[in-house]
Amino acid sequence: MTTQILVDDADAELRDYLVRQGIEVSVLHDAGGLERRIERGRPDLIVLDLMMPGVDGLTALKQLRTSGDDIPVIMLTARTDDVGRIVGLELSADDYRQAVQSA
């Protein structure tokens, strides 16, 4: 069975890397549609960007956890402050990583 990961559409580098590893990648264009997207097919993992268009990643995570869903979620962001990390982990993100900016 192939691993399925749902990622933010803004991170093409991450998507390309995962595909090269043989992972099936689905794209999330807007975190506001996360629950509808999950209803169409449950991924094994969700990678949410903190600064997604529309509904931000933290809000989407909170909605997901409030609904009782326990899909593993990794928060990914270019921000360097610790506030987002603390909030993300308090909202039950499984991990929180700062994205490395390429030059």
PDB file of N, CA and C in Angstrom:
ATOM      1  N   MET A   1       0.844  -1.178   0.000  1.00  0.00           N
ATOM      2  CA  MET A   1       0.000   0.000   0.000  1.00  0.00           C
ATOM      3  C   MET A   1       0.898   1.252   0.000  1.00  0.00           C
ATOM      4  N   THR A   2       0.572   2.210  -0.831  1.00  0.00           N
ATOM      5  CA  THR A   2       1.337   3.440  -0.959  1.00  0.00           C
ATOM      6  C   THR A   2       0.954   4.429   0.132  1.00  0.00           C
ATOM      7  N   THR A   3       1.951   5.083   0.698  1.00  0.00           N
ATOM      8  CA  THR A   3       1.709   6.136   1.685  1.00  0.00           C
ATOM      9  C   THR A   3       1.129   7.347   0.971  1.00  0.00           C
ATOM     10  N   GLN A   4       0.107   7.946   1.545  1.00  0.00           N
ATOM     11  CA  GLN A   4      -0.529   9.119   0.968  1.00  0.00           C
ATOM     12  C   GLN A   4      -0.360  10.300   1.918  1.00  0.00           C
ATOM     13  N   ILE A   5       0.202  11.388   1.383  1.00  0.00           N
ATOM     14  CA  ILE A   5       0.420  12.591   2.177  1.00  0.00           C
ATOM     15  C   ILE A   5      -0.282  13.757   1.513  1.00  0.00           C
ATOM     16  N   LEU A   6      -0.966  14.540   2.299  1.00  0.00           N
ATOM     17  CA  LEU A   6      -1.653  15.747   1.835  1.00  0.00           C
ATOM     18  C   LEU A   6      -0.787  16.938   2.212  1.00  0.00           C
ATOM     19  N   VAL A   7      -0.377  17.741   1.216  1.00  0.00           N
ATOM     20  CA  VAL A   7       0.501  18.884   1.481  1.00  0.00           C
ATOM     21  C   VAL A   7      -0.083  20.168   0.902  1.00  0.00           C
ATOM     22  N   ASP A   8       0.375  21.268   1.452  1.00  0.00           N
ATOM     23  CA  ASP A   8       0.026  22.607   0.984  1.00  0.00           C
ATOM     24  C   ASP A   8       0.557  22.794  -0.432  1.00  0.00           C
ATOM     25  N   ASP A   9      -0.236  23.374  -1.298  1.00  0.00           N
ATOM     26  CA  ASP A   9       0.158  23.532  -2.702  1.00  0.00           C
ATOM     27  C   ASP A   9       1.307  24.506  -2.913  1.00  0.00           C
ATOM     28  N   ALA A  10       1.654  25.314  -1.925  1.00  0.00           N
ATOM     29  CA  ALA A  10       2.719  26.306  -2.089  1.00  0.00           C
ATOM     30  C   ALA A  10       4.111  25.683  -1.996  1.00  0.00           C
ATOM     31  N   ASP A  11       4.219  24.470  -1.512  1.00  0.00           N
ATOM     32  CA  ASP A  11       5.533  23.874  -1.283  1.00  0.00           C
ATOM     33  C   ASP A  11       5.866  22.839  -2.354  1.00  0.00           C
ATOM     34  N   ALA A  12       6.181  23.320  -3.553  1.00  0.00           N
ATOM     35  CA  ALA A  12       6.487  22.447  -4.687  1.00  0.00           C
ATOM     36  C   ALA A  12       7.727  21.601  -4.427  1.00  0.00           C
ATOM     37  N   GLU A  13       8.719  22.163  -3.752  1.00  0.00           N
ATOM     38  CA  GLU A  13       9.949  21.422  -3.477  1.00  0.00           C
ATOM     39  C   GLU A  13       9.663  20.198  -2.606  1.00  0.00           C
ATOM     40  N   LEU A  14       8.856  20.360  -1.581  1.00  0.00           N
ATOM     41  CA  LEU A  14       8.488  19.242  -0.721  1.00  0.00           C
ATOM     42  C   LEU A  14       7.696  18.204  -1.503  1.00  0.00           C
ATOM     43  N   ARG A  15       6.732  18.665  -2.289  1.00  0.00           N
ATOM     44  CA  ARG A  15       5.934  17.733  -3.107  1.00  0.00           C
ATOM     45  C   ARG A  15       6.824  16.911  -4.023  1.00  0.00           C
ATOM     46  N   ASP A  16       7.726  17.578  -4.727  1.00  0.00           N
ATOM     47  CA  ASP A  16       8.612  16.881  -5.663  1.00  0.00           C
ATOM     48  C   ASP A  16       9.483  15.855  -4.942  1.00  0.00           C
ATOM     49  N   TYR A  17      10.005  16.232  -3.788  1.00  0.00           N
ATOM     50  CA  TYR A  17      10.837  15.317  -3.012  1.00  0.00           C
ATOM     51  C   TYR A  17      10.037  14.071  -2.611  1.00  0.00           C
ATOM     52  N   LEU A  18       8.835  14.272  -2.099  1.00  0.00           N
ATOM     53  CA  LEU A  18       8.017  13.140  -1.657  1.00  0.00           C
ATOM     54  C   LEU A  18       7.678  12.211  -2.821  1.00  0.00           C
ATOM     55  N   VAL A  19       7.348  12.774  -3.970  1.00  0.00           N
ATOM     56  CA  VAL A  19       7.026  11.974  -5.148  1.00  0.00           C
ATOM     57  C   VAL A  19       8.245  11.140  -5.560  1.00  0.00           C
ATOM     58  N   ARG A  20       9.426  11.737  -5.532  1.00  0.00           N
ATOM     59  CA  ARG A  20      10.652  10.998  -5.875  1.00  0.00           C
ATOM     60  C   ARG A  20      10.900   9.838  -4.913  1.00  0.00           C
ATOM     61  N   GLN A  21      10.366   9.931  -3.701  1.00  0.00           N
ATOM     62  CA  GLN A  21      10.520   8.858  -2.715  1.00  0.00           C
ATOM     63  C   GLN A  21       9.443   7.784  -2.871  1.00  0.00           C
ATOM     64  N   GLY A  22       8.569   7.934  -3.864  1.00  0.00           N
ATOM     65  CA  GLY A  22       7.520   6.949  -4.112  1.00  0.00           C
ATOM     66  C   GLY A  22       6.271   7.147  -3.278  1.00  0.00           C
ATOM     67  N   ILE A  23       6.119   8.339  -2.743  1.00  0.00           N
ATOM     68  CA  ILE A  23       4.960   8.652  -1.904  1.00  0.00           C
ATOM     69  C   ILE A  23       3.897   9.323  -2.756  1.00  0.00           C
ATOM     70  N   GLU A  24       2.659   8.915  -2.569  1.00  0.00           N
ATOM     71  CA  GLU A  24       1.549   9.537  -3.275  1.00  0.00           C
ATOM     72  C   GLU A  24       1.211  10.853  -2.581  1.00  0.00           C
ATOM     73  N   VAL A  25       1.239  11.936  -3.333  1.00  0.00           N
ATOM     74  CA  VAL A  25       1.039  13.266  -2.772  1.00  0.00           C
ATOM     75  C   VAL A  25      -0.232  13.881  -3.332  1.00  0.00           C
ATOM     76  N   SER A  26      -1.077  14.356  -2.450  1.00  0.00           N
ATOM     77  CA  SER A  26      -2.255  15.128  -2.829  1.00  0.00           C
ATOM     78  C   SER A  26      -2.013  16.563  -2.397  1.00  0.00           C
ATOM     79  N   VAL A  27      -2.620  17.491  -3.111  1.00  0.00           N
ATOM     80  CA  VAL A  27      -2.393  18.910  -2.858  1.00  0.00           C
ATOM     81  C   VAL A  27      -3.605  19.526  -2.178  1.00  0.00           C
ATOM     82  N   LEU A  28      -3.332  20.339  -1.176  1.00  0.00           N
ATOM     83  CA  LEU A  28      -4.365  21.103  -0.484  1.00  0.00           C
ATOM     84  C   LEU A  28      -4.186  22.560  -0.875  1.00  0.00           C
ATOM     85  N   HIS A  29      -5.154  23.109  -1.588  1.00  0.00           N
ATOM     86  CA  HIS A  29      -5.047  24.485  -2.075  1.00  0.00           C
ATOM     87  C   HIS A  29      -5.450  25.515  -1.027  1.00  0.00           C
ATOM     88  N   ASP A  30      -6.293  25.118  -0.087  1.00  0.00           N
ATOM     89  CA  ASP A  30      -6.810  26.048   0.914  1.00  0.00           C
ATOM     90  C   ASP A  30      -7.155  25.244   2.159  1.00  0.00           C
ATOM     91  N   ALA A  31      -6.611  25.616   3.295  1.00  0.00           N
ATOM     92  CA  ALA A  31      -6.864  24.875   4.533  1.00  0.00           C
ATOM     93  C   ALA A  31      -8.330  24.909   4.928  1.00  0.00           C
ATOM     94  N   GLY A  32      -9.081  25.880   4.412  1.00  0.00           N
ATOM     95  CA  GLY A  32     -10.512  25.948   4.706  1.00  0.00           C
ATOM     96  C   GLY A  32     -11.267  24.741   4.177  1.00  0.00           C
ATOM     97  N   GLY A  33     -10.712  24.072   3.176  1.00  0.00           N
ATOM     98  CA  GLY A  33     -11.349  22.900   2.598  1.00  0.00           C
ATOM     99  C   GLY A  33     -10.793  21.588   3.111  1.00  0.00           C
ATOM    100  N   LEU A  34     -10.039  21.639   4.208  1.00  0.00           N
ATOM    101  CA  LEU A  34      -9.378  20.448   4.721  1.00  0.00           C
ATOM    102  C   LEU A  34     -10.356  19.323   5.064  1.00  0.00           C
ATOM    103  N   GLU A  35     -11.394  19.622   5.809  1.00  0.00           N
ATOM    104  CA  GLU A  35     -12.332  18.568   6.212  1.00  0.00           C
ATOM    105  C   GLU A  35     -13.039  17.956   5.003  1.00  0.00           C
ATOM    106  N   ARG A  36     -13.418  18.781   4.028  1.00  0.00           N
ATOM    107  CA  ARG A  36     -14.048  18.253   2.810  1.00  0.00           C
ATOM    108  C   ARG A  36     -13.068  17.369   2.050  1.00  0.00           C
ATOM    109  N   ARG A  37     -11.813  17.783   2.017  1.00  0.00           N
ATOM    110  CA  ARG A  37     -10.798  16.994   1.310  1.00  0.00           C
ATOM    111  C   ARG A  37     -10.601  15.644   1.978  1.00  0.00           C
ATOM    112  N   ILE A  38     -10.585  15.608   3.302  1.00  0.00           N
ATOM    113  CA  ILE A  38     -10.410  14.356   4.038  1.00  0.00           C
ATOM    114  C   ILE A  38     -11.592  13.419   3.802  1.00  0.00           C
ATOM    115  N   GLU A  39     -12.776  13.966   3.675  1.00  0.00           N
ATOM    116  CA  GLU A  39     -13.955  13.142   3.409  1.00  0.00           C
ATOM    117  C   GLU A  39     -13.829  12.386   2.093  1.00  0.00           C
ATOM    118  N   ARG A  40     -13.123  12.987   1.113  1.00  0.00           N
ATOM    119  CA  ARG A  40     -12.942  12.340  -0.194  1.00  0.00           C
ATOM    120  C   ARG A  40     -11.899  11.232  -0.147  1.00  0.00           C
ATOM    121  N   GLY A  41     -11.036  11.256   0.813  1.00  0.00           N
ATOM    122  CA  GLY A  41      -9.989  10.247   0.941  1.00  0.00           C
ATOM    123  C   GLY A  41      -9.029  10.619   2.041  1.00  0.00           C
ATOM    124  N   ARG A  42      -8.873   9.715   2.993  1.00  0.00           N
ATOM    125  CA  ARG A  42      -8.029   9.992   4.161  1.00  0.00           C
ATOM    126  C   ARG A  42      -6.563   9.773   3.849  1.00  0.00           C
ATOM    127  N   PRO A  43      -5.755  10.815   4.009  1.00  0.00           N
ATOM    128  CA  PRO A  43      -4.314  10.638   3.835  1.00  0.00           C
ATOM    129  C   PRO A  43      -3.718   9.993   5.084  1.00  0.00           C
ATOM    130  N   ASP A  44      -2.497   9.503   4.948  1.00  0.00           N
ATOM    131  CA  ASP A  44      -1.785   8.945   6.097  1.00  0.00           C
ATOM    132  C   ASP A  44      -1.156  10.046   6.942  1.00  0.00           C
ATOM    133  N   LEU A  45      -0.930  11.213   6.326  1.00  0.00           N
ATOM    134  CA  LEU A  45      -0.265  12.327   6.993  1.00  0.00           C
ATOM    135  C   LEU A  45      -0.668  13.627   6.302  1.00  0.00           C
ATOM    136  N   ILE A  46      -0.775  14.692   7.071  1.00  0.00           N
ATOM    137  CA  ILE A  46      -1.063  16.020   6.522  1.00  0.00           C
ATOM    138  C   ILE A  46       0.098  16.941   6.892  1.00  0.00           C
ATOM    139  N   VAL A  47       0.596  17.683   5.909  1.00  0.00           N
ATOM    140  CA  VAL A  47       1.603  18.709   6.164  1.00  0.00           C
ATOM    141  C   VAL A  47       0.926  20.053   5.929  1.00  0.00           C
ATOM    142  N   LEU A  48       0.790  20.832   6.989  1.00  0.00           N
ATOM    143  CA  LEU A  48       0.118  22.125   6.911  1.00  0.00           C
ATOM    144  C   LEU A  48       1.117  23.258   7.079  1.00  0.00           C
ATOM    145  N   ASP A  49       1.015  24.229   6.203  1.00  0.00           N
ATOM    146  CA  ASP A  49       1.821  25.437   6.332  1.00  0.00           C
ATOM    147  C   ASP A  49       1.096  26.382   7.276  1.00  0.00           C
ATOM    148  N   LEU A  50       1.835  26.996   8.152  1.00  0.00           N
ATOM    149  CA  LEU A  50       1.242  27.931   9.100  1.00  0.00           C
ATOM    150  C   LEU A  50       0.553  29.088   8.384  1.00  0.00           C
ATOM    151  N   MET A  51       1.133  29.545   7.268  1.00  0.00           N
ATOM    152  CA  MET A  51       0.635  30.732   6.579  1.00  0.00           C
ATOM    153  C   MET A  51      -0.055  30.374   5.261  1.00  0.00           C
ATOM    154  N   MET A  52      -1.052  29.503   5.315  1.00  0.00           N
ATOM    155  CA  MET A  52      -1.799  29.140   4.114  1.00  0.00           C
ATOM    156  C   MET A  52      -2.784  30.249   3.766  1.00  0.00           C
ATOM    157  N   PRO A  53      -3.170  30.335   2.494  1.00  0.00           N
ATOM    158  CA  PRO A  53      -4.163  31.349   2.116  1.00  0.00           C
ATOM    159  C   PRO A  53      -5.526  31.035   2.736  1.00  0.00           C
ATOM    160  N   GLY A  54      -6.282  32.053   2.995  1.00  0.00           N
ATOM    161  CA  GLY A  54      -7.608  31.834   3.595  1.00  0.00           C
ATOM    162  C   GLY A  54      -7.451  31.451   5.051  1.00  0.00           C
ATOM    163  N   VAL A  55      -7.833  30.233   5.372  1.00  0.00           N
ATOM    164  CA  VAL A  55      -7.716  29.710   6.730  1.00  0.00           C
ATOM    165  C   VAL A  55      -6.273  29.281   6.955  1.00  0.00           C
ATOM    166  N   ASP A  56      -5.635  29.790   8.021  1.00  0.00           N
ATOM    167  CA  ASP A  56      -4.240  29.432   8.282  1.00  0.00           C
ATOM    168  C   ASP A  56      -4.139  28.012   8.831  1.00  0.00           C
ATOM    169  N   GLY A  57      -2.927  27.481   8.825  1.00  0.00           N
ATOM    170  CA  GLY A  57      -2.700  26.108   9.240  1.00  0.00           C
ATOM    171  C   GLY A  57      -3.081  25.820  10.685  1.00  0.00           C
ATOM    172  N   LEU A  58      -2.829  26.766  11.588  1.00  0.00           N
ATOM    173  CA  LEU A  58      -3.197  26.543  12.993  1.00  0.00           C
ATOM    174  C   LEU A  58      -4.704  26.444  13.180  1.00  0.00           C
ATOM    175  N   THR A  59      -5.443  27.292  12.489  1.00  0.00           N
ATOM    176  CA  THR A  59      -6.907  27.244  12.575  1.00  0.00           C
ATOM    177  C   THR A  59      -7.424  25.935  11.998  1.00  0.00           C
ATOM    178  N   ALA A  60      -6.864  25.517  10.874  1.00  0.00           N
ATOM    179  CA  ALA A  60      -7.279  24.253  10.259  1.00  0.00           C
ATOM    180  C   ALA A  60      -6.989  23.075  11.185  1.00  0.00           C
ATOM    181  N   LEU A  61      -5.823  23.099  11.841  1.00  0.00           N
ATOM    182  CA  LEU A  61      -5.481  22.043  12.787  1.00  0.00           C
ATOM    183  C   LEU A  61      -6.454  22.028  13.956  1.00  0.00           C
ATOM    184  N   LYS A  62      -6.772  23.194  14.480  1.00  0.00           N
ATOM    185  CA  LYS A  62      -7.715  23.274  15.602  1.00  0.00           C
ATOM    186  C   LYS A  62      -9.081  22.709  15.203  1.00  0.00           C
ATOM    187  N   GLN A  63      -9.559  23.050  14.015  1.00  0.00           N
ATOM    188  CA  GLN A  63     -10.840  22.525  13.540  1.00  0.00           C
ATOM    189  C   GLN A  63     -10.791  21.010  13.390  1.00  0.00           C
ATOM    190  N   LEU A  64      -9.677  20.519  12.860  1.00  0.00           N
ATOM    191  CA  LEU A  64      -9.509  19.086  12.667  1.00  0.00           C
ATOM    192  C   LEU A  64      -9.531  18.351  14.000  1.00  0.00           C
ATOM    193  N   ARG A  65      -8.778  18.847  14.969  1.00  0.00           N
ATOM    194  CA  ARG A  65      -8.721  18.187  16.279  1.00  0.00           C
ATOM    195  C   ARG A  65     -10.037  18.333  17.043  1.00  0.00           C
ATOM    196  N   THR A  66     -10.704  19.475  16.897  1.00  0.00           N
ATOM    197  CA  THR A  66     -11.989  19.673  17.569  1.00  0.00           C
ATOM    198  C   THR A  66     -13.032  18.680  17.061  1.00  0.00           C
ATOM    199  N   SER A  67     -12.925  18.321  15.781  1.00  0.00           N
ATOM    200  CA  SER A  67     -13.869  17.359  15.206  1.00  0.00           C
ATOM    201  C   SER A  67     -13.546  15.933  15.630  1.00  0.00           C
ATOM    202  N   GLY A  68     -12.423  15.757  16.350  1.00  0.00           N
ATOM    203  CA  GLY A  68     -12.055  14.436  16.848  1.00  0.00           C
ATOM    204  C   GLY A  68     -11.132  13.662  15.920  1.00  0.00           C
ATOM    205  N   ASP A  69     -10.695  14.277  14.846  1.00  0.00           N
ATOM    206  CA  ASP A  69      -9.830  13.589  13.893  1.00  0.00           C
ATOM    207  C   ASP A  69      -8.396  13.529  14.414  1.00  0.00           C
ATOM    208  N   ASP A  70      -7.780  12.362  14.287  1.00  0.00           N
ATOM    209  CA  ASP A  70      -6.425  12.191  14.813  1.00  0.00           C
ATOM    210  C   ASP A  70      -5.391  11.891  13.726  1.00  0.00           C
ATOM    211  N   ILE A  71      -5.668  12.286  12.479  1.00  0.00           N
ATOM    212  CA  ILE A  71      -4.680  12.118  11.419  1.00  0.00           C
ATOM    213  C   ILE A  71      -3.399  12.830  11.849  1.00  0.00           C
ATOM    214  N   PRO A  72      -2.247  12.182  11.689  1.00  0.00           N
ATOM    215  CA  PRO A  72      -0.990  12.862  12.028  1.00  0.00           C
ATOM    216  C   PRO A  72      -0.810  14.132  11.187  1.00  0.00           C
ATOM    217  N   VAL A  73      -0.390  15.203  11.856  1.00  0.00           N
ATOM    218  CA  VAL A  73      -0.198  16.495  11.195  1.00  0.00           C
ATOM    219  C   VAL A  73       1.178  17.047  11.551  1.00  0.00           C
ATOM    220  N   ILE A  74       1.903  17.469  10.518  1.00  0.00           N
ATOM    221  CA  ILE A  74       3.159  18.179  10.716  1.00  0.00           C
ATOM    222  C   ILE A  74       2.932  19.618  10.282  1.00  0.00           C
ATOM    223  N   MET A  75       3.230  20.548  11.155  1.00  0.00           N
ATOM    224  CA  MET A  75       3.144  21.968  10.820  1.00  0.00           C
ATOM    225  C   MET A  75       4.484  22.374  10.234  1.00  0.00           C
ATOM    226  N   LEU A  76       4.434  23.137   9.141  1.00  0.00           N
ATOM    227  CA  LEU A  76       5.648  23.591   8.478  1.00  0.00           C
ATOM    228  C   LEU A  76       5.523  25.087   8.252  1.00  0.00           C
ATOM    229  N   THR A  77       6.585  25.831   8.561  1.00  0.00           N
ATOM    230  CA  THR A  77       6.512  27.275   8.392  1.00  0.00           C
ATOM    231  C   THR A  77       7.889  27.874   8.142  1.00  0.00           C
ATOM    232  N   ALA A  78       7.892  29.015   7.514  1.00  0.00           N
ATOM    233  CA  ALA A  78       9.132  29.781   7.332  1.00  0.00           C
ATOM    234  C   ALA A  78       9.329  30.763   8.486  1.00  0.00           C
ATOM    235  N   ARG A  79       8.302  30.920   9.311  1.00  0.00           N
ATOM    236  CA  ARG A  79       8.408  31.855  10.441  1.00  0.00           C
ATOM    237  C   ARG A  79       9.420  31.345  11.452  1.00  0.00           C
ATOM    238  N   THR A  80      10.054  32.278  12.139  1.00  0.00           N
ATOM    239  CA  THR A  80      11.078  31.901  13.107  1.00  0.00           C
ATOM    240  C   THR A  80      10.656  32.087  14.564  1.00  0.00           C
ATOM    241  N   ASP A  81       9.471  32.628  14.806  1.00  0.00           N
ATOM    242  CA  ASP A  81       9.074  32.836  16.200  1.00  0.00           C
ATOM    243  C   ASP A  81       8.629  31.516  16.845  1.00  0.00           C
ATOM    244  N   ASP A  82       8.681  31.487  18.165  1.00  0.00           N
ATOM    245  CA  ASP A  82       8.314  30.281  18.899  1.00  0.00           C
ATOM    246  C   ASP A  82       6.829  30.197  19.203  1.00  0.00           C
ATOM    247  N   VAL A  83       6.101  31.288  19.046  1.00  0.00           N
ATOM    248  CA  VAL A  83       4.680  31.305  19.391  1.00  0.00           C
ATOM    249  C   VAL A  83       3.910  30.296  18.550  1.00  0.00           C
ATOM    250  N   GLY A  84       4.128  30.311  17.240  1.00  0.00           N
ATOM    251  CA  GLY A  84       3.437  29.372  16.366  1.00  0.00           C
ATOM    252  C   GLY A  84       3.750  27.934  16.723  1.00  0.00           C
ATOM    253  N   ARG A  85       5.008  27.672  17.040  1.00  0.00           N
ATOM    254  CA  ARG A  85       5.415  26.313  17.430  1.00  0.00           C
ATOM    255  C   ARG A  85       4.669  25.872  18.691  1.00  0.00           C
ATOM    256  N   ILE A  86       4.634  26.733  19.683  1.00  0.00           N
ATOM    257  CA  ILE A  86       3.961  26.401  20.944  1.00  0.00           C
ATOM    258  C   ILE A  86       2.482  26.151  20.711  1.00  0.00           C
ATOM    259  N   VAL A  87       1.835  27.046  19.979  1.00  0.00           N
ATOM    260  CA  VAL A  87       0.400  26.888  19.721  1.00  0.00           C
ATOM    261  C   VAL A  87       0.146  25.626  18.913  1.00  0.00           C
ATOM    262  N   GLY A  88       0.949  25.394  17.874  1.00  0.00           N
ATOM    263  CA  GLY A  88       0.767  24.200  17.047  1.00  0.00           C
ATOM    264  C   GLY A  88       0.878  22.922  17.853  1.00  0.00           C
ATOM    265  N   LEU A  89       1.865  22.837  18.699  1.00  0.00           N
ATOM    266  CA  LEU A  89       2.030  21.636  19.514  1.00  0.00           C
ATOM    267  C   LEU A  89       0.936  21.517  20.571  1.00  0.00           C
ATOM    268  N   GLU A  90       0.479  22.652  21.113  1.00  0.00           N
ATOM    269  CA  GLU A  90      -0.638  22.613  22.065  1.00  0.00           C
ATOM    270  C   GLU A  90      -1.932  22.155  21.397  1.00  0.00           C
ATOM    271  N   LEU A  91      -2.057  22.402  20.091  1.00  0.00           N
ATOM    272  CA  LEU A  91      -3.236  21.969  19.344  1.00  0.00           C
ATOM    273  C   LEU A  91      -3.098  20.532  18.846  1.00  0.00           C
ATOM    274  N   SER A  92      -2.076  19.851  19.312  1.00  0.00           N
ATOM    275  CA  SER A  92      -1.830  18.443  18.997  1.00  0.00           C
ATOM    276  C   SER A  92      -1.251  18.189  17.621  1.00  0.00           C
ATOM    277  N   ALA A  93      -0.458  19.136  17.112  1.00  0.00           N
ATOM    278  CA  ALA A  93       0.318  18.816  15.918  1.00  0.00           C
ATOM    279  C   ALA A  93       1.308  17.734  16.334  1.00  0.00           C
ATOM    280  N   ASP A  94       1.606  16.817  15.441  1.00  0.00           N
ATOM    281  CA  ASP A  94       2.533  15.743  15.756  1.00  0.00           C
ATOM    282  C   ASP A  94       3.982  16.196  15.663  1.00  0.00           C
ATOM    283  N   ASP A  95       4.223  17.239  14.899  1.00  0.00           N
ATOM    284  CA  ASP A  95       5.557  17.832  14.813  1.00  0.00           C
ATOM    285  C   ASP A  95       5.406  19.229  14.228  1.00  0.00           C
ATOM    286  N   TYR A  96       6.418  20.029  14.390  1.00  0.00           N
ATOM    287  CA  TYR A  96       6.398  21.415  13.918  1.00  0.00           C
ATOM    288  C   TYR A  96       7.798  21.741  13.434  1.00  0.00           C
ATOM    289  N   ARG A  97       7.942  22.032  12.166  1.00  0.00           N
ATOM    290  CA  ARG A  97       9.253  22.264  11.569  1.00  0.00           C
ATOM    291  C   ARG A  97       9.337  23.608  10.888  1.00  0.00           C
ATOM    292  N   GLN A  98      10.485  24.231  11.026  1.00  0.00           N
ATOM    293  CA  GLN A  98      10.734  25.471  10.286  1.00  0.00           C
ATOM    294  C   GLN A  98      11.309  25.082   8.942  1.00  0.00           C
ATOM    295  N   ALA A  99      10.695  25.587   7.879  1.00  0.00           N
ATOM    296  CA  ALA A  99      11.156  25.293   6.523  1.00  0.00           C
ATOM    297  C   ALA A  99      12.477  26.003   6.274  1.00  0.00           C
ATOM    298  N   VAL A 100      13.332  25.355   5.542  1.00  0.00           N
ATOM    299  CA  VAL A 100      14.605  25.947   5.178  1.00  0.00           C
ATOM    300  C   VAL A 100      14.391  26.738   3.897  1.00  0.00           C
ATOM    301  N   GLN A 101      14.732  28.013   3.928  1.00  0.00           N
ATOM    302  CA  GLN A 101      14.566  28.875   2.746  1.00  0.00           C
ATOM    303  C   GLN A 101      15.753  28.685   1.827  1.00  0.00           C
ATOM    304  N   SER A 102      15.468  28.363   0.552  1.00  0.00           N
ATOM    305  CA  SER A 102      16.565  28.247  -0.414  1.00  0.00           C
ATOM    306  C   SER A 102      16.917  29.614  -0.956  1.00  0.00           C
ATOM    307  N   ALA A 103      18.183  29.821  -1.222  1.00  0.00           N
ATOM    308  CA  ALA A 103      18.665  31.133  -1.679  1.00  0.00           C
ATOM    309  C   ALA A 103      18.373  31.382  -3.129  1.00  0.00           C
TER     310      ALA A 103
END
